[in-house]
Amino acid sequence: MAKLEQTIYGNFNQLLSQIEDGIINGSVSASLEDSSDFYEGGARCSVRVFERYSYMGGNRVSMNVTLFQVGNGPIHLTAITAGGSQALFFKVNTFGEEAFLDKLREIL
């Protein structure tokens, strides 16, 4: 598992669109698996789950991206990847997880 947390100043809708487009168009095997959006009392939260095939690891890797904003304040981003290990009991190979997260870093 790999994780990225960041505070971003900008337009929520624009950032969300930039992330979705960048991830999906950044890899032949990337897909948006599901999404969820919440609005409550001036706060907004969007969750996106992406998946792609990791050639290096020989398996599929998922990435959950969550954006949270209250009013016009800063946008809090958390991204967590999982599924990049081939071992049964221990995490042996996490190259795919880090590479997927690196793609998001490029977009940001």
Protein backbone atom coordinates (compact mmCIF):
# COMPACT_ATOMS: atom_id res chain seq x y z
CA MET A 1 0.00 0.00 0.00
CA ALA A 2 1.16 3.50 -0.81
CA LYS A 3 -0.41 6.77 0.30
CA LEU A 4 -0.32 10.43 -0.73
CA GLU A 5 -1.90 13.26 1.28
CA GLN A 6 -1.86 16.84 0.07
CA THR A 7 -3.62 20.17 0.58
CA ILE A 8 -4.45 21.96 -2.65
CA TYR A 9 -5.83 25.44 -3.32
CA GLY A 10 -8.00 25.78 -6.40
CA ASN A 11 -11.26 24.86 -8.05
CA PHE A 12 -12.73 21.57 -6.75
CA ASN A 13 -14.55 20.64 -9.99
CA GLN A 14 -11.54 21.45 -12.12
CA LEU A 15 -9.19 19.40 -9.93
CA LEU A 16 -11.55 16.42 -9.89
CA SER A 17 -11.90 16.51 -13.66
CA GLN A 18 -8.14 16.86 -14.12
CA ILE A 19 -7.52 13.79 -11.93
CA GLU A 20 -10.18 11.66 -13.65
CA ASP A 21 -8.99 12.55 -17.15
CA GLY A 22 -5.31 12.24 -16.29
CA ILE A 23 -5.62 8.80 -14.72
CA ILE A 24 -7.93 7.32 -17.37
CA ASN A 25 -5.97 8.77 -20.30
CA GLY A 26 -2.61 8.10 -18.67
CA SER A 27 -2.73 4.33 -19.02
CA VAL A 28 -4.22 1.97 -21.61
CA SER A 29 -5.59 -0.31 -18.87
CA ALA A 30 -6.81 2.36 -16.41
CA SER A 31 -10.52 2.57 -15.62
CA LEU A 32 -12.80 4.41 -13.22
CA GLU A 33 -14.39 1.58 -11.23
CA ASP A 34 -16.82 3.62 -9.13
CA SER A 35 -17.44 7.07 -7.68
CA SER A 36 -19.37 8.79 -4.92
CA ASP A 37 -20.11 12.45 -4.15
CA PHE A 38 -21.46 14.00 -0.95
CA TYR A 39 -22.60 17.55 -0.20
CA GLU A 40 -23.60 18.61 3.32
CA GLY A 41 -23.64 21.96 5.11
CA GLY A 42 -21.17 23.65 2.77
CA ALA A 43 -18.80 20.68 2.73
CA ARG A 44 -18.09 18.52 -0.28
CA CYS A 45 -16.48 15.09 -0.55
CA SER A 46 -15.75 13.13 -3.74
CA VAL A 47 -14.38 9.60 -3.84
CA ARG A 48 -13.01 7.91 -6.96
CA VAL A 49 -11.75 4.34 -7.28
CA PHE A 50 -9.47 3.63 -10.24
CA GLU A 51 -7.91 0.39 -11.36
CA ARG A 52 -5.20 -0.51 -13.84
CA TYR A 53 -2.97 -3.40 -14.82
CA SER A 54 0.59 -3.29 -13.52
CA TYR A 55 2.95 -4.77 -16.12
CA MET A 56 5.83 -4.72 -13.65
CA GLY A 57 3.87 -6.60 -10.98
CA GLY A 58 1.79 -8.72 -13.33
CA ASN A 59 -1.46 -7.90 -11.53
CA ARG A 60 -4.17 -5.26 -11.15
CA VAL A 61 -3.74 -2.31 -8.80
CA SER A 62 -6.45 -0.04 -7.40
CA MET A 63 -6.24 3.58 -6.27
CA ASN A 64 -8.78 5.37 -4.12
CA VAL A 65 -8.73 9.17 -4.43
CA THR A 66 -10.71 11.28 -1.95
CA LEU A 67 -11.17 15.07 -2.21
CA PHE A 68 -12.70 17.03 0.68
CA GLN A 69 -13.47 20.74 0.91
CA VAL A 70 -15.41 22.96 3.31
CA GLY A 71 -16.85 26.06 1.64
CA ASN A 72 -14.16 27.72 -0.46
CA GLY A 73 -11.34 26.50 1.77
CA PRO A 74 -8.42 24.32 0.78
CA ILE A 75 -9.04 20.95 -0.87
CA HIS A 76 -7.73 17.98 1.10
CA LEU A 77 -6.64 15.07 -1.08
CA THR A 78 -5.90 11.54 0.07
CA ALA A 79 -4.91 8.81 -2.39
CA ILE A 80 -4.27 5.22 -1.37
CA THR A 81 -3.20 2.39 -3.66
CA ALA A 82 -3.58 -1.33 -2.99
CA GLY A 83 -3.35 -4.71 -4.65
CA GLY A 84 0.17 -4.56 -5.99
CA SER A 85 1.61 -7.56 -4.15
CA GLN A 86 1.77 -11.09 -5.54
CA ALA A 87 2.65 -12.87 -2.30
CA LEU A 88 0.16 -14.80 -0.20
CA PHE A 89 1.11 -13.57 3.29
CA PHE A 90 3.63 -10.74 2.83
CA LYS A 91 3.90 -7.75 0.52
CA VAL A 92 6.74 -8.69 -1.79
CA ASN A 93 6.26 -6.41 -4.79
CA THR A 94 4.70 -2.97 -4.50
CA PHE A 95 6.15 -1.46 -7.70
CA GLY A 96 2.70 -1.19 -9.30
CA GLU A 97 1.22 0.65 -6.32
CA GLU A 98 3.99 3.25 -6.26
CA ALA A 99 3.87 3.69 -10.06
CA PHE A 100 0.10 4.30 -9.95
CA LEU A 101 0.56 6.90 -7.22
CA ASP A 102 3.40 8.49 -9.21
CA LYS A 103 0.96 9.00 -12.10
CA LEU A 104 -1.30 11.00 -9.77
CA ARG A 105 1.70 13.03 -8.56
CA GLU A 106 2.44 13.95 -12.20
CA ILE A 107 -1.16 15.13 -12.67
CA LEU A 108 -1.08 17.25 -9.53
